[in-house]
């Protein structure tokens, strides 16, 4: 009887962990798998992050969300051969790497205007490439 209960408990735990893992993808703001939609959402989030004022109360939260989105996007699409050759993807990766590098090297400093300008240009190129289907 003891053996039966331990096996039943193990089965229940496996099912609970499996269901918890499956529901993580349904989190708000999670990537959907639609490259175009995900890329536009990331661009919007990153624009908010680089344009947040230095004295904003939620600046750290916005930057942490931007870092998470950068990591999620890279993890999701970096090895996807169907998008890795698109010009929108390569430009987006350049922008993500630039912003991630700034956040890693200078976590407490605001994003410099020169970097903001360059990121905005890259975001516009990504959006126009997505409109063209590239």
N, C-alpha and C. Protein backbone atom coordinates (compact mmCIF):
# COMPACT_ATOMS: atom_id res chain seq x y z
N UNK A 1 0.82 -1.20 0.00
CA UNK A 1 0.00 0.00 0.00
C UNK A 1 0.87 1.27 0.00
N UNK A 2 1.96 1.23 0.76
CA UNK A 2 2.86 2.37 0.83
C UNK A 2 3.49 2.65 -0.54
N UNK A 3 3.85 1.60 -1.23
CA UNK A 3 4.44 1.71 -2.57
C UNK A 3 3.44 2.34 -3.54
N UNK A 4 2.20 1.93 -3.46
CA UNK A 4 1.15 2.46 -4.32
C UNK A 4 0.95 3.96 -4.09
N UNK A 5 0.92 4.38 -2.81
CA UNK A 5 0.74 5.80 -2.50
C UNK A 5 1.92 6.64 -2.97
N UNK A 6 3.12 6.12 -2.84
CA UNK A 6 4.29 6.90 -3.29
C UNK A 6 4.28 7.04 -4.82
N UNK A 7 3.87 6.01 -5.53
CA UNK A 7 3.78 6.11 -6.99
C UNK A 7 2.67 7.07 -7.40
N UNK A 8 1.57 7.04 -6.71
CA UNK A 8 0.47 7.95 -7.00
C UNK A 8 0.89 9.40 -6.75
N UNK A 9 1.59 9.63 -5.64
CA UNK A 9 2.08 10.97 -5.34
C UNK A 9 3.07 11.44 -6.41
N UNK A 10 3.95 10.55 -6.84
CA UNK A 10 4.91 10.90 -7.89
C UNK A 10 4.19 11.26 -9.19
N UNK A 11 3.16 10.51 -9.54
CA UNK A 11 2.39 10.80 -10.75
C UNK A 11 1.70 12.14 -10.66
N UNK A 12 1.11 12.43 -9.50
CA UNK A 12 0.43 13.71 -9.30
C UNK A 12 1.42 14.86 -9.42
N UNK A 13 2.61 14.72 -8.85
CA UNK A 13 3.63 15.77 -8.94
C UNK A 13 4.08 15.99 -10.38
N UNK A 14 4.26 14.92 -11.14
CA UNK A 14 4.67 15.05 -12.54
C UNK A 14 3.60 15.79 -13.35
N UNK A 15 2.35 15.47 -13.10
CA UNK A 15 1.26 16.13 -13.81
C UNK A 15 1.20 17.61 -13.43
N UNK A 16 1.36 17.92 -12.16
CA UNK A 16 1.33 19.33 -11.72
C UNK A 16 2.48 20.12 -12.33
N UNK A 17 3.66 19.56 -12.33
CA UNK A 17 4.81 20.25 -12.91
C UNK A 17 4.63 20.42 -14.41
N UNK A 18 4.12 19.40 -15.07
CA UNK A 18 3.87 19.49 -16.50
C UNK A 18 2.86 20.56 -16.85
N UNK A 19 1.79 20.65 -16.09
CA UNK A 19 0.77 21.68 -16.35
C UNK A 19 1.29 23.07 -16.04
N UNK A 20 2.09 23.20 -15.02
CA UNK A 20 2.67 24.49 -14.68
C UNK A 20 3.62 24.95 -15.78
N UNK A 21 4.41 24.04 -16.30
CA UNK A 21 5.33 24.38 -17.39
C UNK A 21 4.61 24.77 -18.65
N UNK A 22 3.49 24.16 -18.94
CA UNK A 22 2.72 24.49 -20.14
C UNK A 22 2.05 25.85 -20.03
N UNK A 23 1.68 26.24 -18.84
CA UNK A 23 0.98 27.51 -18.68
C UNK A 23 1.93 28.71 -18.68
N UNK A 24 3.24 28.48 -18.61
CA UNK A 24 4.19 29.59 -18.61
C UNK A 24 4.17 30.34 -19.93
N UNK A 25 3.83 29.67 -21.04
CA UNK A 25 3.79 30.32 -22.33
C UNK A 25 2.58 31.24 -22.49
N UNK A 26 1.61 31.11 -21.61
CA UNK A 26 0.42 31.93 -21.70
C UNK A 26 0.55 33.21 -20.88
N UNK A 27 1.73 33.49 -20.37
CA UNK A 27 1.93 34.69 -19.57
C UNK A 27 1.71 35.93 -20.44
N UNK A 28 1.16 36.99 -19.85
CA UNK A 28 0.97 38.20 -20.63
C UNK A 28 2.31 38.75 -21.11
N UNK A 29 2.37 39.16 -22.35
CA UNK A 29 3.60 39.70 -22.89
C UNK A 29 4.56 38.66 -23.41
N UNK A 30 4.20 37.39 -23.30
CA UNK A 30 5.08 36.33 -23.80
C UNK A 30 5.07 36.33 -25.32
N UNK A 31 6.13 35.83 -25.90
CA UNK A 31 6.22 35.76 -27.36
C UNK A 31 5.20 34.74 -27.88
N UNK A 32 4.60 35.06 -29.00
CA UNK A 32 3.52 34.24 -29.54
C UNK A 32 4.00 33.20 -30.55
N UNK A 33 5.16 33.43 -31.14
CA UNK A 33 5.64 32.55 -32.20
C UNK A 33 5.42 33.14 -33.57
N UNK A 34 4.64 34.20 -33.66
CA UNK A 34 4.45 34.93 -34.91
C UNK A 34 5.56 35.97 -34.97
N UNK A 35 6.55 35.73 -35.82
CA UNK A 35 7.75 36.57 -35.85
C UNK A 35 7.41 38.05 -36.05
N UNK A 36 6.56 38.35 -36.99
CA UNK A 36 6.23 39.75 -37.29
C UNK A 36 5.60 40.43 -36.08
N UNK A 37 4.63 39.79 -35.48
CA UNK A 37 3.93 40.35 -34.33
C UNK A 37 4.88 40.49 -33.14
N UNK A 38 5.69 39.48 -32.89
CA UNK A 38 6.64 39.52 -31.78
C UNK A 38 7.67 40.63 -31.96
N UNK A 39 8.15 40.80 -33.18
CA UNK A 39 9.16 41.82 -33.44
C UNK A 39 8.58 43.21 -33.23
N UNK A 40 7.38 43.46 -33.69
CA UNK A 40 6.75 44.76 -33.49
C UNK A 40 6.49 45.03 -32.00
N UNK A 41 6.13 44.00 -31.26
CA UNK A 41 5.91 44.15 -29.82
C UNK A 41 7.22 44.48 -29.10
N UNK A 42 8.30 43.82 -29.52
CA UNK A 42 9.61 44.09 -28.91
C UNK A 42 10.05 45.51 -29.23
N UNK A 43 9.86 45.95 -30.46
CA UNK A 43 10.24 47.31 -30.84
C UNK A 43 9.48 48.32 -29.97
N UNK A 44 8.21 48.09 -29.76
CA UNK A 44 7.41 49.00 -28.93
C UNK A 44 7.93 49.02 -27.49
N UNK A 45 8.22 47.86 -26.94
CA UNK A 45 8.73 47.78 -25.58
C UNK A 45 10.08 48.47 -25.45
N UNK A 46 10.95 48.26 -26.42
CA UNK A 46 12.28 48.87 -26.36
C UNK A 46 12.21 50.38 -26.55
N UNK A 47 11.29 50.85 -27.37
CA UNK A 47 11.12 52.30 -27.52
C UNK A 47 10.72 52.92 -26.18
N UNK A 48 9.80 52.26 -25.49
CA UNK A 48 9.40 52.75 -24.17
C UNK A 48 10.59 52.75 -23.21
N UNK A 49 11.41 51.71 -23.27
CA UNK A 49 12.54 51.59 -22.35
C UNK A 49 13.60 52.66 -22.60
N UNK A 50 13.88 52.97 -23.86
CA UNK A 50 14.93 53.96 -24.12
C UNK A 50 14.43 55.39 -23.96
N UNK A 51 13.12 55.59 -24.00
CA UNK A 51 12.57 56.93 -23.86
C UNK A 51 12.07 57.25 -22.46
N UNK A 52 12.22 56.32 -21.52
CA UNK A 52 11.76 56.57 -20.16
C UNK A 52 12.65 57.65 -19.54
N UNK A 53 12.05 58.54 -18.78
CA UNK A 53 12.83 59.62 -18.17
C UNK A 53 13.69 59.08 -17.04
N UNK A 54 14.77 59.78 -16.77
CA UNK A 54 15.73 59.33 -15.76
C UNK A 54 15.16 59.32 -14.35
N UNK A 55 14.19 60.17 -14.08
CA UNK A 55 13.62 60.26 -12.74
C UNK A 55 12.29 59.50 -12.60
N UNK A 56 11.96 58.68 -13.58
CA UNK A 56 10.72 57.91 -13.51
C UNK A 56 10.82 56.87 -12.39
N UNK A 57 9.72 56.71 -11.67
CA UNK A 57 9.71 55.79 -10.54
C UNK A 57 9.86 54.33 -10.97
N UNK A 58 9.36 54.01 -12.15
CA UNK A 58 9.38 52.62 -12.62
C UNK A 58 10.47 52.37 -13.67
N UNK A 59 11.51 53.19 -13.69
CA UNK A 59 12.57 53.06 -14.69
C UNK A 59 13.24 51.70 -14.60
N UNK A 60 13.56 51.24 -13.41
CA UNK A 60 14.24 49.95 -13.23
C UNK A 60 13.36 48.80 -13.72
N UNK A 61 12.07 48.89 -13.46
CA UNK A 61 11.14 47.84 -13.90
C UNK A 61 11.05 47.80 -15.42
N UNK A 62 10.99 48.96 -16.04
CA UNK A 62 10.90 49.03 -17.50
C UNK A 62 12.16 48.48 -18.14
N UNK A 63 13.33 48.83 -17.58
CA UNK A 63 14.58 48.32 -18.11
C UNK A 63 14.71 46.81 -17.89
N UNK A 64 14.24 46.32 -16.76
CA UNK A 64 14.27 44.87 -16.51
C UNK A 64 13.37 44.14 -17.49
N UNK A 65 12.21 44.71 -17.79
CA UNK A 65 11.30 44.12 -18.77
C UNK A 65 11.94 44.11 -20.15
N UNK A 66 12.64 45.19 -20.50
CA UNK A 66 13.33 45.26 -21.80
C UNK A 66 14.40 44.19 -21.89
N UNK A 67 15.17 44.01 -20.84
CA UNK A 67 16.20 42.95 -20.83
C UNK A 67 15.58 41.58 -21.00
N UNK A 68 14.48 41.35 -20.31
CA UNK A 68 13.81 40.05 -20.41
C UNK A 68 13.31 39.82 -21.83
N UNK A 69 12.72 40.85 -22.43
CA UNK A 69 12.22 40.73 -23.80
C UNK A 69 13.36 40.47 -24.78
N UNK A 70 14.49 41.14 -24.58
CA UNK A 70 15.65 40.92 -25.45
C UNK A 70 16.09 39.47 -25.37
N UNK A 71 16.20 38.95 -24.15
CA UNK A 71 16.62 37.56 -23.97
C UNK A 71 15.61 36.57 -24.55
N UNK A 72 14.33 36.84 -24.32
CA UNK A 72 13.29 35.95 -24.84
C UNK A 72 13.29 35.93 -26.37
N UNK A 73 13.43 37.10 -26.97
CA UNK A 73 13.44 37.20 -28.43
C UNK A 73 14.64 36.46 -29.00
N UNK A 74 15.80 36.67 -28.41
CA UNK A 74 17.01 36.00 -28.89
C UNK A 74 16.88 34.49 -28.75
N UNK A 75 16.36 34.04 -27.62
CA UNK A 75 16.21 32.61 -27.40
C UNK A 75 15.20 31.99 -28.37
N UNK A 76 14.17 32.72 -28.67
CA UNK A 76 13.11 32.17 -29.53
C UNK A 76 13.51 32.11 -31.00
N UNK A 77 14.17 33.16 -31.50
CA UNK A 77 14.37 33.27 -32.95
C UNK A 77 15.81 33.11 -33.43
N UNK A 78 16.76 33.03 -32.54
CA UNK A 78 18.16 32.97 -32.96
C UNK A 78 18.46 31.74 -33.83
N UNK A 79 17.88 30.62 -33.53
CA UNK A 79 18.16 29.39 -34.28
C UNK A 79 17.07 29.04 -35.28
N UNK A 80 16.15 29.96 -35.49
CA UNK A 80 15.07 29.72 -36.44
C UNK A 80 15.55 30.10 -37.84
N UNK A 81 15.83 29.10 -38.65
CA UNK A 81 16.37 29.34 -39.99
C UNK A 81 15.42 30.09 -40.90
N UNK A 82 14.13 30.03 -40.62
CA UNK A 82 13.17 30.71 -41.49
C UNK A 82 13.22 32.23 -41.33
N UNK A 83 13.73 32.73 -40.21
CA UNK A 83 13.81 34.17 -40.01
C UNK A 83 15.24 34.69 -39.93
N UNK A 84 16.20 33.83 -39.73
CA UNK A 84 17.58 34.29 -39.51
C UNK A 84 18.19 34.96 -40.74
N UNK A 85 17.65 34.71 -41.91
CA UNK A 85 18.19 35.35 -43.11
C UNK A 85 17.44 36.62 -43.51
N UNK A 86 16.39 36.97 -42.77
CA UNK A 86 15.62 38.18 -43.08
C UNK A 86 16.38 39.43 -42.67
N UNK A 87 16.27 40.48 -43.48
CA UNK A 87 16.96 41.72 -43.14
C UNK A 87 16.38 42.34 -41.86
N UNK A 88 15.10 42.15 -41.62
CA UNK A 88 14.50 42.68 -40.39
C UNK A 88 15.11 42.00 -39.16
N UNK A 89 15.40 40.71 -39.28
CA UNK A 89 15.98 39.98 -38.15
C UNK A 89 17.41 40.44 -37.86
N UNK A 90 18.22 40.56 -38.90
CA UNK A 90 19.61 40.96 -38.67
C UNK A 90 19.70 42.38 -38.12
N UNK A 91 18.84 43.27 -38.61
CA UNK A 91 18.81 44.63 -38.09
C UNK A 91 18.32 44.64 -36.65
N UNK A 92 17.32 43.83 -36.37
CA UNK A 92 16.78 43.75 -35.01
C UNK A 92 17.84 43.21 -34.05
N UNK A 93 18.57 42.21 -34.47
CA UNK A 93 19.63 41.65 -33.62
C UNK A 93 20.71 42.70 -33.33
N UNK A 94 21.03 43.53 -34.31
CA UNK A 94 22.00 44.61 -34.11
C UNK A 94 21.49 45.56 -33.03
N UNK A 95 20.23 45.94 -33.13
CA UNK A 95 19.64 46.86 -32.15
C UNK A 95 19.60 46.21 -30.76
N UNK A 96 19.19 44.96 -30.70
CA UNK A 96 19.12 44.26 -29.41
C UNK A 96 20.49 44.15 -28.77
N UNK A 97 21.49 43.82 -29.57
CA UNK A 97 22.85 43.69 -29.03
C UNK A 97 23.36 45.04 -28.52
N UNK A 98 23.06 46.11 -29.22
CA UNK A 98 23.50 47.44 -28.79
C UNK A 98 22.89 47.83 -27.46
N UNK A 99 21.59 47.63 -27.34
CA UNK A 99 20.91 48.01 -26.11
C UNK A 99 21.29 47.09 -24.96
N UNK A 100 21.39 45.79 -25.23
CA UNK A 100 21.80 44.85 -24.18
C UNK A 100 23.22 45.16 -23.71
N UNK A 101 24.09 45.53 -24.64
CA UNK A 101 25.45 45.90 -24.27
C UNK A 101 25.49 47.12 -23.37
N UNK A 102 24.65 48.10 -23.68
CA UNK A 102 24.58 49.29 -22.83
C UNK A 102 24.08 48.93 -21.44
N UNK A 103 23.01 48.13 -21.37
CA UNK A 103 22.46 47.75 -20.07
C UNK A 103 23.45 46.92 -19.26
N UNK A 104 24.27 46.11 -19.92
CA UNK A 104 25.25 45.30 -19.21
C UNK A 104 26.42 46.14 -18.72
N UNK A 105 26.90 47.04 -19.56
CA UNK A 105 28.08 47.84 -19.21
C UNK A 105 27.75 49.02 -18.30
N UNK A 106 26.60 49.63 -18.51
CA UNK A 106 26.24 50.84 -17.76
C UNK A 106 24.81 50.72 -17.23
N UNK A 107 24.58 49.83 -16.27
CA UNK A 107 23.20 49.59 -15.82
C UNK A 107 22.52 50.79 -15.16
N UNK A 108 23.30 51.68 -14.58
CA UNK A 108 22.70 52.81 -13.87
C UNK A 108 22.70 54.10 -14.67
N UNK A 109 23.25 54.06 -15.86
CA UNK A 109 23.32 55.28 -16.68
C UNK A 109 22.18 55.31 -17.69
N UNK A 110 21.72 56.49 -18.03
CA UNK A 110 20.67 56.58 -19.06
C UNK A 110 21.26 56.24 -20.43
N UNK A 111 20.40 55.88 -21.33
CA UNK A 111 20.82 55.57 -22.70
C UNK A 111 21.25 56.88 -23.36
N UNK A 112 22.47 56.96 -23.91
CA UNK A 112 22.93 58.20 -24.53
C UNK A 112 22.10 58.56 -25.77
N UNK A 113 22.03 59.83 -26.06
CA UNK A 113 21.25 60.31 -27.20
C UNK A 113 21.74 59.71 -28.52
N UNK A 114 23.05 59.56 -28.65
CA UNK A 114 23.60 58.99 -29.88
C UNK A 114 23.10 57.56 -30.08
N UNK A 115 23.06 56.78 -29.00
CA UNK A 115 22.56 55.41 -29.09
C UNK A 115 21.05 55.40 -29.33
N UNK A 116 20.33 56.31 -28.69
CA UNK A 116 18.87 56.40 -28.92
C UNK A 116 18.57 56.68 -30.38
N UNK A 117 19.32 57.60 -30.96
CA UNK A 117 19.12 57.96 -32.37
C UNK A 117 19.38 56.76 -33.27
N UNK A 118 20.47 56.06 -33.01
CA UNK A 118 20.81 54.90 -33.82
C UNK A 118 19.77 53.78 -33.66
N UNK A 119 19.33 53.56 -32.43
CA UNK A 119 18.31 52.53 -32.20
C UNK A 119 17.01 52.88 -32.91
N UNK A 120 16.63 54.14 -32.86
CA UNK A 120 15.39 54.56 -33.53
C UNK A 120 15.49 54.35 -35.03
N UNK A 121 16.64 54.64 -35.62
CA UNK A 121 16.84 54.39 -37.05
C UNK A 121 16.72 52.90 -37.36
N UNK A 122 17.32 52.08 -36.52
CA UNK A 122 17.24 50.63 -36.74
C UNK A 122 15.82 50.12 -36.57
N UNK A 123 15.11 50.65 -35.58
CA UNK A 123 13.71 50.24 -35.39
C UNK A 123 12.87 50.59 -36.62
N UNK A 124 13.12 51.76 -37.20
CA UNK A 124 12.39 52.15 -38.40
C UNK A 124 12.72 51.23 -39.57
N UNK A 125 14.00 50.86 -39.68
CA UNK A 125 14.39 49.92 -40.75
C UNK A 125 13.74 48.56 -40.55
N UNK A 126 13.65 48.11 -39.30
CA UNK A 126 13.00 46.82 -39.01
C UNK A 126 11.53 46.88 -39.40
N UNK A 127 10.85 47.97 -39.02
CA UNK A 127 9.43 48.10 -39.34
C UNK A 127 9.19 48.17 -40.85
N UNK A 128 10.04 48.89 -41.56
CA UNK A 128 9.85 48.95 -43.02
C UNK A 128 10.17 47.61 -43.67
N UNK A 129 11.16 46.89 -43.16
CA UNK A 129 11.46 45.56 -43.69
C UNK A 129 10.32 44.58 -43.43
N UNK A 130 9.68 44.71 -42.27
CA UNK A 130 8.54 43.84 -41.96
C UNK A 130 7.36 44.16 -42.89
N UNK A 131 7.16 45.45 -43.19
CA UNK A 131 6.09 45.80 -44.13
C UNK A 131 6.34 45.21 -45.51
N UNK A 132 7.61 45.16 -45.91
CA UNK A 132 7.97 44.58 -47.22
C UNK A 132 7.96 43.05 -47.19
N UNK A 133 7.94 42.49 -46.00
CA UNK A 133 7.95 41.03 -45.89
C UNK A 133 9.35 40.44 -45.76
N UNK A 134 10.30 41.28 -45.44
CA UNK A 134 11.68 40.82 -45.25
C UNK A 134 11.98 40.79 -43.80
